[in-house]
Structure formats: structure tokens, C-alpha cells
Amino acid sequence: MAISTLSTFGLIDGITALLVVLFGMVFGLYFLYQGKKRNANQLLKLGVISMLAGLMFLGVCLDFLLVVFTDSNIDNSWGAAGLLSYIWFAPLIVLAMYIGSELHLPKNDKAERLILLIYLLLGIVFTVIIFLDPFSAFYFGYPEGYPNDPEALVDYNINLTSIAGLLMAAMLFSVLLFLGVGTLIRGIKLTGDIKKRFILISLGAFCFGIFGILEGLTVPGGVLIFVRIGYLSSFWFLYYGLS
């Protein structure tokens, strides 16, 4: 194994990304099992969401494993570092808004379908754009020693001035408003167990949105560990809220 070239931050970045992918899979399988066992469709959706959210760190994870086993960064000549992570974003958001529409519009099938159609179209546009021109959609930062003997992993963030960046920001903020703020306002007005459930769902949405924004649209730096722990915690808030 060739890992000695990585800096402390590179190791933290890679190990935490690997853990997010693994925990996303484990959490997702557990939620799917519970959903199947309880015949709870929302938990089944949450299971898929959890796995997709874990896979959003696939680019970092694969880069880390390549550095460990080959002492070379991922080949980013076609934008692999960003694409391998962000291809999962659109279906994740569509499913999240599906859960939100079921919570807020349980008896309005037309409104549910309209919301899903809008986000499905936005997701398709986002995915097509990042594949057509990944080097405009992402900011790629290459570490010292790239691609051989690297000190860190390939860094990539969505370019906020690009169409892809604007779409991603809009979709993340809408999840925050719809599932976070909207569910919290509704929960405050309720009582008993249903109040607790809505507040937990709201907390999960806030954690997902806030830490997702910090991860994808900024450079978290020294607080990277806390950002990724917060990101993973969102799914347990959602699980207990939907259980």
C-alpha cells in the first residue's frame, strides 16, 4: 500500500469519505429492511436516499483508494472526480421531495405529481449539464504531486456561477424550505407524537441541506469531519421521524 505521501488532511478527507459511502450503504440497507418489515413505503424511500447520499462521496472515496493502492490520483481527464459523485444528486433530491410532498400534500395527488415532474426535469437538466461540460460545472483543485505521489485528493466543488451550480443550490435550498422550514412550522402547530415526528423530520432535512451545502458548495477545511458526521446524522433524524 502507498499511503505515506498523503498529508493529514488528505487522510482525513479520504477516510471520512470512505466511511460516508460505507455507512450510507449500511444505513440504507437497514432502512430498507425496516421498511419492508413494517410495510412502510417512506422508510423504503429513505433507504434508497441514504444509499444515494453515501454514493455522493464515491469520487473522493475512489480517489483515496487509488492513492492508497497505486500512489496515484484518479484520472480526471473526463471529470471523473466530480461526475462519479454528483450523478447521484438528482435522484436523491427527487426522492426527498417525494417524501416531502407525501407529508405536506397527502390528499393532493395532482400537486404531488407536479412537484415530482418539476424536480425530475430539473434533475435531468442538471445531470445532462454536468456530463456535457464537467469542467465548467465544477471547480477542480489538483494537489501537490498530482497525479503521482499526491499530498491530497482531487478537490472539486460545484461552480456556483454555472447553470449546474445554480440548479444544485436551488434544489438544496428548496429541500431546506419544504422539508426543513415547512415541516418545522407544521410540527410546531401539532401535538403529541406527531409533533415529535415532524420536528425530527425537520431536523433531518436541516442537517442534510446545511451540511450538503457546506460539502458541495464550499471548502469545509478543518471542520470536514463535523460536516460529514452532520451529513450522516440527518438520515437518523429522518428515520426516527418517519418510523
C-alpha atoms as a PDB file:
ATOM      1  CA  MET A   1       0.000   0.000   0.000  1.00  0.00           C
ATOM      2  CA  ALA A   2       1.214   3.502  -0.865  1.00  0.00           C
ATOM      3  CA  ILE A   3      -0.269   5.970   1.562  1.00  0.00           C
ATOM      4  CA  SER A   4       2.743   7.781   3.013  1.00  0.00           C
ATOM      5  CA  THR A   5       2.541  10.690   0.560  1.00  0.00           C
ATOM      6  CA  LEU A   6      -0.852  11.851   1.790  1.00  0.00           C
ATOM      7  CA  SER A   7      -0.998  14.775   4.181  1.00  0.00           C
ATOM      8  CA  THR A   8      -3.002  14.592   7.409  1.00  0.00           C
ATOM      9  CA  PHE A   9      -5.866  16.439   5.731  1.00  0.00           C
ATOM     10  CA  GLY A  10      -5.694  14.093   2.743  1.00  0.00           C
ATOM     11  CA  LEU A  11      -6.007  11.101   5.058  1.00  0.00           C
ATOM     12  CA  ILE A  12      -8.936  12.661   6.930  1.00  0.00           C
ATOM     13  CA  ASP A  13     -10.633  13.558   3.655  1.00  0.00           C
ATOM     14  CA  GLY A  14     -10.232  10.055   2.234  1.00  0.00           C
ATOM     15  CA  ILE A  15     -11.063   8.048   5.347  1.00  0.00           C
ATOM     16  CA  THR A  16     -14.181  10.069   6.167  1.00  0.00           C
ATOM     17  CA  ALA A  17     -15.369   9.835   2.535  1.00  0.00           C
ATOM     18  CA  LEU A  18     -14.892   6.053   2.636  1.00  0.00           C
ATOM     19  CA  LEU A  19     -16.864   5.883   5.893  1.00  0.00           C
ATOM     20  CA  VAL A  20     -19.693   8.001   4.469  1.00  0.00           C
ATOM     21  CA  VAL A  21     -20.021   5.640   1.484  1.00  0.00           C
ATOM     22  CA  LEU A  22     -19.952   2.544   3.715  1.00  0.00           C
ATOM     23  CA  PHE A  23     -22.319   3.935   6.354  1.00  0.00           C
ATOM     24  CA  GLY A  24     -24.655   5.209   3.644  1.00  0.00           C
ATOM     25  CA  MET A  25     -24.914   1.652   2.306  1.00  0.00           C
ATOM     26  CA  VAL A  26     -25.347   0.094   5.765  1.00  0.00           C
ATOM     27  CA  PHE A  27     -27.936   2.658   6.886  1.00  0.00           C
ATOM     28  CA  GLY A  28     -29.774   2.299   3.585  1.00  0.00           C
ATOM     29  CA  LEU A  29     -29.967  -1.487   3.799  1.00  0.00           C
ATOM     30  CA  TYR A  30     -31.201  -1.245   7.394  1.00  0.00           C
ATOM     31  CA  PHE A  31     -33.887   1.289   6.457  1.00  0.00           C
ATOM     32  CA  LEU A  32     -34.952  -0.901   3.529  1.00  0.00           C
ATOM     33  CA  TYR A  33     -35.189  -3.916   5.837  1.00  0.00           C
ATOM     34  CA  GLN A  34     -37.278  -1.966   8.358  1.00  0.00           C
ATOM     35  CA  GLY A  35     -39.455  -0.546   5.602  1.00  0.00           C
ATOM     36  CA  LYS A  36     -40.105  -3.995   4.155  1.00  0.00           C
ATOM     37  CA  LYS A  37     -40.702  -5.455   7.604  1.00  0.00           C
ATOM     38  CA  ARG A  38     -43.172  -2.721   8.582  1.00  0.00           C
ATOM     39  CA  ASN A  39     -44.650  -2.282   5.099  1.00  0.00           C
ATOM     40  CA  ALA A  40     -43.624   1.391   5.361  1.00  0.00           C
ATOM     41  CA  ASN A  41     -43.110   2.928   1.909  1.00  0.00           C
ATOM     42  CA  GLN A  42     -41.476   6.092   3.250  1.00  0.00           C
ATOM     43  CA  LEU A  43     -38.778   4.058   5.008  1.00  0.00           C
ATOM     44  CA  LEU A  44     -38.140   2.218   1.738  1.00  0.00           C
ATOM     45  CA  LYS A  45     -37.641   5.574   0.016  1.00  0.00           C
ATOM     46  CA  LEU A  46     -35.380   6.722   2.863  1.00  0.00           C
ATOM     47  CA  GLY A  47     -33.285   3.573   2.415  1.00  0.00           C
ATOM     48  CA  VAL A  48     -32.652   4.415  -1.232  1.00  0.00           C
ATOM     49  CA  ILE A  49     -31.987   8.069  -0.317  1.00  0.00           C
ATOM     50  CA  SER A  50     -29.406   7.026   2.279  1.00  0.00           C
ATOM     51  CA  MET A  51     -27.531   4.881  -0.243  1.00  0.00           C
ATOM     52  CA  LEU A  52     -27.600   7.631  -2.869  1.00  0.00           C
ATOM     53  CA  ALA A  53     -26.344  10.132  -0.288  1.00  0.00           C
ATOM     54  CA  GLY A  54     -23.446   7.841   0.573  1.00  0.00           C
ATOM     55  CA  LEU A  55     -22.590   7.420  -3.099  1.00  0.00           C
ATOM     56  CA  MET A  56     -22.272  11.208  -3.424  1.00  0.00           C
ATOM     57  CA  PHE A  57     -18.818  10.693  -1.888  1.00  0.00           C
ATOM     58  CA  LEU A  58     -17.867   7.991  -4.386  1.00  0.00           C
ATOM     59  CA  GLY A  59     -15.465  10.246  -6.307  1.00  0.00           C
ATOM     60  CA  VAL A  60     -13.456  11.131  -3.184  1.00  0.00           C
ATOM     61  CA  CYS A  61     -13.605   7.533  -1.974  1.00  0.00           C
ATOM     62  CA  LEU A  62     -12.269   6.066  -5.229  1.00  0.00           C
ATOM     63  CA  ASP A  63      -9.569   8.735  -5.430  1.00  0.00           C
ATOM     64  CA  PHE A  64      -8.479   7.809  -1.898  1.00  0.00           C
ATOM     65  CA  LEU A  65      -8.396   4.082  -2.669  1.00  0.00           C
ATOM     66  CA  LEU A  66      -6.387   4.700  -5.840  1.00  0.00           C
ATOM     67  CA  VAL A  67      -3.847   6.759  -3.895  1.00  0.00           C
ATOM     68  CA  VAL A  68      -3.625   4.047  -1.229  1.00  0.00           C
ATOM     69  CA  PHE A  69      -3.151   1.169  -3.674  1.00  0.00           C
ATOM     70  CA  THR A  70      -1.435   2.830  -6.645  1.00  0.00           C
ATOM     71  CA  ASP A  71       0.045   6.074  -5.254  1.00  0.00           C
ATOM     72  CA  SER A  72      -1.767   7.961  -7.999  1.00  0.00           C
ATOM     73  CA  ASN A  73      -4.842  10.189  -8.078  1.00  0.00           C
ATOM     74  CA  ILE A  74      -7.923   9.376 -10.092  1.00  0.00           C
ATOM     75  CA  ASP A  75      -7.745  10.069 -13.829  1.00  0.00           C
ATOM     76  CA  ASN A  76      -9.747  13.281 -14.065  1.00  0.00           C
ATOM     77  CA  SER A  77      -9.292  13.873 -17.794  1.00  0.00           C
ATOM     78  CA  TRP A  78     -13.054  13.490 -18.261  1.00  0.00           C
ATOM     79  CA  GLY A  79     -14.097  14.993 -14.910  1.00  0.00           C
ATOM     80  CA  ALA A  80     -14.482  11.644 -13.134  1.00  0.00           C
ATOM     81  CA  ALA A  81     -13.839  13.070  -9.656  1.00  0.00           C
ATOM     82  CA  GLY A  82     -16.968  15.204  -9.811  1.00  0.00           C
ATOM     83  CA  LEU A  83     -19.177  13.085 -12.045  1.00  0.00           C
ATOM     84  CA  LEU A  84     -18.844   9.888 -10.001  1.00  0.00           C
ATOM     85  CA  SER A  85     -20.231  11.779  -7.010  1.00  0.00           C
ATOM     86  CA  TYR A  86     -22.840  14.098  -8.486  1.00  0.00           C
ATOM     87  CA  ILE A  87     -24.628  11.635 -10.761  1.00  0.00           C
ATOM     88  CA  TRP A  88     -26.471  10.542  -7.607  1.00  0.00           C
ATOM     89  CA  PHE A  89     -27.653  14.026  -6.654  1.00  0.00           C
ATOM     90  CA  ALA A  90     -30.720  14.330  -8.906  1.00  0.00           C
ATOM     91  CA  PRO A  91     -32.456  11.049  -7.930  1.00  0.00           C
ATOM     92  CA  LEU A  92     -31.686  11.781  -4.269  1.00  0.00           C
ATOM     93  CA  ILE A  93     -33.418  15.173  -4.442  1.00  0.00           C
ATOM     94  CA  VAL A  94     -36.392  13.777  -6.374  1.00  0.00           C
ATOM     95  CA  LEU A  95     -36.959  11.114  -3.699  1.00  0.00           C
ATOM     96  CA  ALA A  96     -36.526  13.652  -0.884  1.00  0.00           C
ATOM     97  CA  MET A  97     -39.156  15.913  -2.432  1.00  0.00           C
ATOM     98  CA  TYR A  98     -41.378  12.858  -2.967  1.00  0.00           C
ATOM     99  CA  ILE A  99     -41.313  12.222   0.791  1.00  0.00           C
ATOM    100  CA  GLY A 100     -41.940  15.925   1.430  1.00  0.00           C
ATOM    101  CA  SER A 101     -44.926  16.038  -0.914  1.00  0.00           C
ATOM    102  CA  GLU A 102     -46.422  12.964   0.774  1.00  0.00           C
ATOM    103  CA  LEU A 103     -46.090  14.654   4.167  1.00  0.00           C
ATOM    104  CA  HIS A 104     -47.475  18.034   3.140  1.00  0.00           C
ATOM    105  CA  LEU A 105     -49.913  17.054   0.386  1.00  0.00           C
ATOM    106  CA  PRO A 106     -51.211  13.597   1.376  1.00  0.00           C
ATOM    107  CA  LYS A 107     -54.577  14.023  -0.361  1.00  0.00           C
ATOM    108  CA  ASN A 108     -53.499  16.041  -3.375  1.00  0.00           C
ATOM    109  CA  ASP A 109     -52.194  13.632  -5.994  1.00  0.00           C
ATOM    110  CA  LYS A 110     -52.077  16.276  -8.733  1.00  0.00           C
ATOM    111  CA  ALA A 111     -49.836  18.568  -6.650  1.00  0.00           C
ATOM    112  CA  GLU A 112     -47.590  15.624  -5.736  1.00  0.00           C
ATOM    113  CA  ARG A 113     -47.188  14.647  -9.380  1.00  0.00           C
ATOM    114  CA  LEU A 114     -46.497  18.254 -10.384  1.00  0.00           C
ATOM    115  CA  ILE A 115     -43.748  18.596  -7.760  1.00  0.00           C
ATOM    116  CA  LEU A 116     -42.173  15.313  -8.831  1.00  0.00           C
ATOM    117  CA  LEU A 117     -42.335  16.291 -12.512  1.00  0.00           C
ATOM    118  CA  ILE A 118     -40.661  19.665 -11.839  1.00  0.00           C
ATOM    119  CA  TYR A 119     -37.819  18.101  -9.855  1.00  0.00           C
ATOM    120  CA  LEU A 120     -37.434  15.236 -12.287  1.00  0.00           C
ATOM    121  CA  LEU A 121     -36.973  17.736 -15.133  1.00  0.00           C
ATOM    122  CA  LEU A 122     -34.555  19.846 -13.050  1.00  0.00           C
ATOM    123  CA  GLY A 123     -32.616  16.707 -12.169  1.00  0.00           C
ATOM    124  CA  ILE A 124     -32.371  15.606 -15.788  1.00  0.00           C
ATOM    125  CA  VAL A 125     -31.150  19.063 -16.853  1.00  0.00           C
ATOM    126  CA  PHE A 126     -28.568  19.083 -14.014  1.00  0.00           C
ATOM    127  CA  THR A 127     -27.255  15.627 -14.924  1.00  0.00           C
ATOM    128  CA  VAL A 128     -27.036  16.373 -18.647  1.00  0.00           C
ATOM    129  CA  ILE A 129     -25.149  19.625 -17.969  1.00  0.00           C
ATOM    130  CA  ILE A 130     -22.510  18.086 -15.700  1.00  0.00           C
ATOM    131  CA  PHE A 131     -21.837  15.344 -18.259  1.00  0.00           C
ATOM    132  CA  LEU A 132     -21.696  17.711 -21.228  1.00  0.00           C
ATOM    133  CA  ASP A 133     -19.253  20.144 -19.591  1.00  0.00           C
ATOM    134  CA  PRO A 134     -17.926  18.946 -16.204  1.00  0.00           C
ATOM    135  CA  PHE A 135     -15.018  21.400 -16.280  1.00  0.00           C
ATOM    136  CA  SER A 136     -17.413  24.331 -16.268  1.00  0.00           C
ATOM    137  CA  ALA A 137     -19.813  22.745 -13.756  1.00  0.00           C
ATOM    138  CA  PHE A 138     -17.042  22.008 -11.206  1.00  0.00           C
ATOM    139  CA  TYR A 139     -14.017  23.756  -9.783  1.00  0.00           C
ATOM    140  CA  PHE A 140     -11.246  21.157  -9.768  1.00  0.00           C
ATOM    141  CA  GLY A 141      -8.325  21.644  -7.411  1.00  0.00           C
ATOM    142  CA  TYR A 142      -5.324  19.397  -8.009  1.00  0.00           C
ATOM    143  CA  PRO A 143      -2.984  18.626  -5.086  1.00  0.00           C
ATOM    144  CA  GLU A 144       0.782  18.933  -4.964  1.00  0.00           C
ATOM    145  CA  GLY A 145       2.304  15.923  -6.698  1.00  0.00           C
ATOM    146  CA  TYR A 146      -0.769  15.255  -8.866  1.00  0.00           C
ATOM    147  CA  PRO A 147      -1.240  12.720 -10.345  1.00  0.00           C
ATOM    148  CA  ASN A 148       1.664  10.698  -8.910  1.00  0.00           C
ATOM    149  CA  ASP A 149       2.879  10.970  -5.291  1.00  0.00           C
ATOM    150  CA  PRO A 150      -0.053  13.242  -4.331  1.00  0.00           C
ATOM    151  CA  GLU A 151      -0.229  15.014  -0.974  1.00  0.00           C
ATOM    152  CA  ALA A 152      -4.032  15.131  -1.062  1.00  0.00           C
ATOM    153  CA  LEU A 153      -7.057  14.140  -3.111  1.00  0.00           C
ATOM    154  CA  VAL A 154      -8.571  15.896  -6.110  1.00  0.00           C
ATOM    155  CA  ASP A 155     -10.785  18.643  -4.722  1.00  0.00           C
ATOM    156  CA  TYR A 156     -13.968  19.561  -6.539  1.00  0.00           C
ATOM    157  CA  ASN A 157     -16.866  21.849  -5.805  1.00  0.00           C
ATOM    158  CA  ILE A 158     -19.821  22.895  -7.863  1.00  0.00           C
ATOM    159  CA  ASN A 159     -19.188  26.155  -9.708  1.00  0.00           C
ATOM    160  CA  LEU A 160     -21.909  28.416  -8.277  1.00  0.00           C
ATOM    161  CA  THR A 161     -21.794  30.709 -11.292  1.00  0.00           C
ATOM    162  CA  SER A 162     -22.593  27.834 -13.674  1.00  0.00           C
ATOM    163  CA  ILE A 163     -26.075  26.605 -14.575  1.00  0.00           C
ATOM    164  CA  ALA A 164     -25.343  23.334 -12.752  1.00  0.00           C
ATOM    165  CA  GLY A 165     -24.297  25.243  -9.644  1.00  0.00           C
ATOM    166  CA  LEU A 166     -27.393  27.410  -9.672  1.00  0.00           C
ATOM    167  CA  LEU A 167     -29.615  24.352 -10.144  1.00  0.00           C
ATOM    168  CA  MET A 168     -27.928  22.463  -7.313  1.00  0.00           C
ATOM    169  CA  ALA A 169     -28.181  25.438  -4.951  1.00  0.00           C
ATOM    170  CA  ALA A 170     -31.848  25.940  -5.845  1.00  0.00           C
ATOM    171  CA  MET A 171     -32.702  22.282  -5.271  1.00  0.00           C
ATOM    172  CA  LEU A 172     -30.848  22.086  -1.945  1.00  0.00           C
ATOM    173  CA  PHE A 173     -32.424  25.304  -0.660  1.00  0.00           C
ATOM    174  CA  SER A 174     -35.869  24.115  -1.738  1.00  0.00           C
ATOM    175  CA  VAL A 175     -35.398  20.921   0.297  1.00  0.00           C
ATOM    176  CA  LEU A 176     -34.426  23.101   3.250  1.00  0.00           C
ATOM    177  CA  LEU A 177     -37.547  25.216   2.833  1.00  0.00           C
ATOM    178  CA  PHE A 178     -40.011  22.442   2.019  1.00  0.00           C
ATOM    179  CA  LEU A 179     -38.815  19.625   4.270  1.00  0.00           C
ATOM    180  CA  GLY A 180     -36.999  21.779   6.832  1.00  0.00           C
ATOM    181  CA  VAL A 181     -38.822  25.048   7.423  1.00  0.00           C
ATOM    182  CA  GLY A 182     -42.227  23.851   6.187  1.00  0.00           C
ATOM    183  CA  THR A 183     -42.193  20.678   8.285  1.00  0.00           C
ATOM    184  CA  LEU A 184     -40.970  22.576  11.358  1.00  0.00           C
ATOM    185  CA  ILE A 185     -43.760  25.163  11.075  1.00  0.00           C
ATOM    186  CA  ARG A 186     -46.321  22.399  10.704  1.00  0.00           C
ATOM    187  CA  GLY A 187     -44.813  20.410  13.572  1.00  0.00           C
ATOM    188  CA  ILE A 188     -44.946  23.345  15.975  1.00  0.00           C
ATOM    189  CA  LYS A 189     -48.704  23.560  15.417  1.00  0.00           C
ATOM    190  CA  LEU A 190     -49.246  19.871  16.203  1.00  0.00           C
ATOM    191  CA  THR A 191     -49.248  17.986  19.490  1.00  0.00           C
ATOM    192  CA  GLY A 192     -48.127  14.646  20.885  1.00  0.00           C
ATOM    193  CA  ASP A 193     -46.163  12.018  18.972  1.00  0.00           C
ATOM    194  CA  ILE A 194     -46.949  13.511  15.557  1.00  0.00           C
ATOM    195  CA  LYS A 195     -45.382  16.808  16.676  1.00  0.00           C
ATOM    196  CA  LYS A 196     -42.176  14.978  17.668  1.00  0.00           C
ATOM    197  CA  ARG A 197     -42.073  13.150  14.349  1.00  0.00           C
ATOM    198  CA  PHE A 198     -42.438  16.302  12.278  1.00  0.00           C
ATOM    199  CA  ILE A 199     -39.721  18.090  14.272  1.00  0.00           C
ATOM    200  CA  LEU A 200     -37.347  15.129  13.793  1.00  0.00           C
ATOM    201  CA  ILE A 201     -38.022  15.137  10.042  1.00  0.00           C
ATOM    202  CA  SER A 202     -37.356  18.870  10.016  1.00  0.00           C
ATOM    203  CA  LEU A 203     -34.046  18.402  11.857  1.00  0.00           C
ATOM    204  CA  GLY A 204     -33.046  15.708   9.364  1.00  0.00           C
ATOM    205  CA  ALA A 205     -33.829  18.000   6.444  1.00  0.00           C
ATOM    206  CA  PHE A 206     -31.859  20.871   8.010  1.00  0.00           C
ATOM    207  CA  CYS A 207     -28.827  18.638   8.623  1.00  0.00           C
ATOM    208  CA  PHE A 208     -28.953  17.241   5.099  1.00  0.00           C
ATOM    209  CA  GLY A 209     -29.400  20.645   3.478  1.00  0.00           C
ATOM    210  CA  ILE A 210     -26.929  22.638   5.572  1.00  0.00           C
ATOM    211  CA  PHE A 211     -24.144  20.060   5.636  1.00  0.00           C
ATOM    212  CA  GLY A 212     -24.777  19.167   1.990  1.00  0.00           C
ATOM    213  CA  ILE A 213     -24.366  22.825   1.052  1.00  0.00           C
ATOM    214  CA  LEU A 214     -21.168  23.097   3.116  1.00  0.00           C
ATOM    215  CA  GLU A 215     -19.766  19.967   1.472  1.00  0.00           C
ATOM    216  CA  GLY A 216     -20.772  20.619  -2.114  1.00  0.00           C
ATOM    217  CA  LEU A 217     -20.687  24.388  -2.464  1.00  0.00           C
ATOM    218  CA  THR A 218     -17.880  25.398  -0.086  1.00  0.00           C
ATOM    219  CA  VAL A 219     -14.483  24.144   1.109  1.00  0.00           C
ATOM    220  CA  PRO A 220     -15.102  22.974   4.716  1.00  0.00           C
ATOM    221  CA  GLY A 221     -11.399  22.629   5.545  1.00  0.00           C
ATOM    222  CA  GLY A 222     -10.688  21.899   9.214  1.00  0.00           C
ATOM    223  CA  VAL A 223     -14.336  21.197  10.073  1.00  0.00           C
ATOM    224  CA  LEU A 224     -14.608  18.474   7.425  1.00  0.00           C
ATOM    225  CA  ILE A 225     -15.142  15.683   9.977  1.00  0.00           C
ATOM    226  CA  PHE A 226     -18.012  17.534  11.654  1.00  0.00           C
ATOM    227  CA  VAL A 227     -19.617  18.327   8.293  1.00  0.00           C
ATOM    228  CA  ARG A 228     -19.639  14.666   7.295  1.00  0.00           C
ATOM    229  CA  ILE A 229     -20.868  13.476  10.697  1.00  0.00           C
ATOM    230  CA  GLY A 230     -23.676  16.036  10.489  1.00  0.00           C
ATOM    231  CA  TYR A 231     -24.485  14.863   6.964  1.00  0.00           C
ATOM    232  CA  LEU A 232     -24.818  11.237   8.095  1.00  0.00           C
ATOM    233  CA  SER A 233     -26.823  12.156  11.202  1.00  0.00           C
ATOM    234  CA  SER A 234     -29.567  13.629   9.011  1.00  0.00           C
ATOM    235  CA  PHE A 235     -30.743  10.165   7.984  1.00  0.00           C
ATOM    236  CA  TRP A 236     -31.245   9.003  11.555  1.00  0.00           C
ATOM    237  CA  PHE A 237     -33.356  12.080  12.334  1.00  0.00           C
ATOM    238  CA  LEU A 238     -35.404  11.282   9.228  1.00  0.00           C
ATOM    239  CA  TYR A 239     -35.605   7.595  10.150  1.00  0.00           C
ATOM    240  CA  TYR A 240     -36.979   8.238  13.636  1.00  0.00           C
ATOM    241  CA  GLY A 241     -39.331  10.866  12.258  1.00  0.00           C
ATOM    242  CA  LEU A 242     -40.732   8.545   9.606  1.00  0.00           C
ATOM    243  CA  SER A 243     -40.810   5.384  11.769  1.00  0.00           C
END
